N, C-alpha and C. Protein backbone atom coordinates (compact mmCIF):
# COMPACT_ATOMS: atom_id res chain seq x y z
N MET A 1 -24.76 -45.53 46.77
CA MET A 1 -24.38 -46.85 46.29
C MET A 1 -25.61 -47.54 45.71
N GLY A 2 -25.38 -48.23 44.63
CA GLY A 2 -26.48 -48.94 44.00
C GLY A 2 -26.07 -49.49 42.66
N LYS A 3 -26.99 -49.49 41.73
CA LYS A 3 -26.72 -50.09 40.42
C LYS A 3 -25.62 -49.37 39.65
N GLY A 4 -25.53 -48.07 39.81
CA GLY A 4 -24.53 -47.31 39.05
C GLY A 4 -23.15 -47.33 39.68
N ASP A 5 -23.03 -47.86 40.89
CA ASP A 5 -21.76 -47.85 41.60
C ASP A 5 -20.90 -49.03 41.15
N ARG A 6 -19.78 -48.72 40.52
CA ARG A 6 -18.91 -49.77 39.99
C ARG A 6 -18.23 -50.59 41.08
N ARG A 7 -18.18 -50.06 42.29
CA ARG A 7 -17.46 -50.74 43.37
C ARG A 7 -18.30 -51.80 44.08
N THR A 8 -19.61 -51.76 43.90
CA THR A 8 -20.47 -52.70 44.61
C THR A 8 -20.81 -53.90 43.75
N ARG A 9 -21.20 -54.98 44.41
CA ARG A 9 -21.58 -56.22 43.70
C ARG A 9 -22.77 -55.97 42.77
N ARG A 10 -23.75 -55.22 43.25
CA ARG A 10 -24.95 -54.94 42.45
C ARG A 10 -24.58 -54.13 41.21
N GLY A 11 -23.66 -53.19 41.39
CA GLY A 11 -23.20 -52.38 40.25
C GLY A 11 -22.46 -53.21 39.22
N LYS A 12 -21.70 -54.19 39.70
CA LYS A 12 -20.96 -55.07 38.79
C LYS A 12 -21.94 -55.94 38.00
N ILE A 13 -22.95 -56.46 38.68
CA ILE A 13 -23.95 -57.29 38.02
C ILE A 13 -24.70 -56.47 36.96
N TRP A 14 -25.04 -55.23 37.33
CA TRP A 14 -25.78 -54.36 36.44
C TRP A 14 -24.97 -54.01 35.19
N ARG A 15 -23.67 -53.79 35.39
CA ARG A 15 -22.78 -53.46 34.26
C ARG A 15 -22.33 -54.69 33.49
N GLY A 16 -22.36 -55.83 34.15
CA GLY A 16 -21.89 -57.07 33.52
C GLY A 16 -20.39 -57.20 33.58
N THR A 17 -19.77 -56.64 34.62
CA THR A 17 -18.33 -56.71 34.77
C THR A 17 -17.98 -57.51 36.02
N TYR A 18 -16.71 -57.80 36.16
CA TYR A 18 -16.22 -58.57 37.30
C TYR A 18 -15.12 -57.80 38.00
N GLY A 19 -14.80 -58.22 39.23
CA GLY A 19 -13.75 -57.57 40.00
C GLY A 19 -13.72 -58.16 41.40
N ASN A 20 -13.15 -57.41 42.35
CA ASN A 20 -13.05 -57.90 43.73
C ASN A 20 -14.42 -58.07 44.36
N ALA A 21 -15.35 -57.20 44.04
CA ALA A 21 -16.69 -57.28 44.62
C ALA A 21 -17.49 -58.42 44.00
N ARG A 22 -17.12 -58.81 42.78
CA ARG A 22 -17.85 -59.87 42.07
C ARG A 22 -16.86 -60.75 41.31
N PRO A 23 -16.24 -61.69 42.01
CA PRO A 23 -15.29 -62.57 41.33
C PRO A 23 -15.99 -63.55 40.41
N ARG A 24 -15.28 -63.98 39.37
CA ARG A 24 -15.83 -64.98 38.46
C ARG A 24 -15.88 -66.32 39.18
N LYS A 25 -16.88 -67.13 38.83
CA LYS A 25 -16.97 -68.46 39.43
C LYS A 25 -15.90 -69.34 38.80
N ARG A 26 -15.16 -70.03 39.65
CA ARG A 26 -14.11 -70.91 39.15
C ARG A 26 -14.71 -72.26 38.79
N ARG A 27 -14.23 -72.83 37.70
CA ARG A 27 -14.71 -74.14 37.29
C ARG A 27 -14.11 -75.20 38.19
N LYS A 28 -14.92 -76.17 38.56
CA LYS A 28 -14.42 -77.26 39.38
C LYS A 28 -13.71 -78.25 38.47
N VAL A 29 -12.52 -78.60 38.84
CA VAL A 29 -11.74 -79.55 38.04
C VAL A 29 -12.12 -80.95 38.47
N LYS A 30 -12.58 -81.72 37.49
CA LYS A 30 -12.96 -83.10 37.79
C LYS A 30 -11.70 -83.94 37.91
N SER A 31 -11.56 -84.64 39.01
CA SER A 31 -10.38 -85.47 39.20
C SER A 31 -10.59 -86.80 38.50
N VAL A 32 -9.64 -87.13 37.66
CA VAL A 32 -9.71 -88.39 36.92
C VAL A 32 -9.17 -89.47 37.83
N PRO A 33 -9.93 -90.56 38.03
CA PRO A 33 -9.42 -91.63 38.90
C PRO A 33 -8.18 -92.28 38.30
N THR A 34 -7.10 -92.27 39.07
CA THR A 34 -5.84 -92.83 38.59
C THR A 34 -5.61 -94.18 39.23
N GLN A 35 -4.97 -95.06 38.47
CA GLN A 35 -4.69 -96.39 38.97
C GLN A 35 -3.33 -96.37 39.65
N LYS A 36 -3.25 -97.00 40.82
CA LYS A 36 -1.99 -97.08 41.53
C LYS A 36 -1.14 -98.17 40.87
N ILE A 37 0.12 -97.85 40.64
CA ILE A 37 1.05 -98.80 40.02
C ILE A 37 1.83 -99.48 41.14
N ASP A 38 1.72 -100.81 41.19
CA ASP A 38 2.45 -101.55 42.21
C ASP A 38 3.89 -101.74 41.74
N SER A 39 4.81 -101.26 42.53
CA SER A 39 6.23 -101.40 42.17
C SER A 39 6.85 -102.64 42.77
N ALA A 40 6.06 -103.47 43.43
CA ALA A 40 6.56 -104.69 44.07
C ALA A 40 6.83 -105.82 43.08
N GLU A 41 6.24 -105.70 41.90
CA GLU A 41 6.39 -106.79 40.91
C GLU A 41 7.76 -106.81 40.29
């Protein structure tokens, strides 16, 4: 196991591929502040 091993994280980094051993980083979704609508009016 090492750089040439496609199943390991190091091998994925070396090849520049992704998979179960090296998942892609998910983008954080910025929450837009929403205004509460008062239905009492």
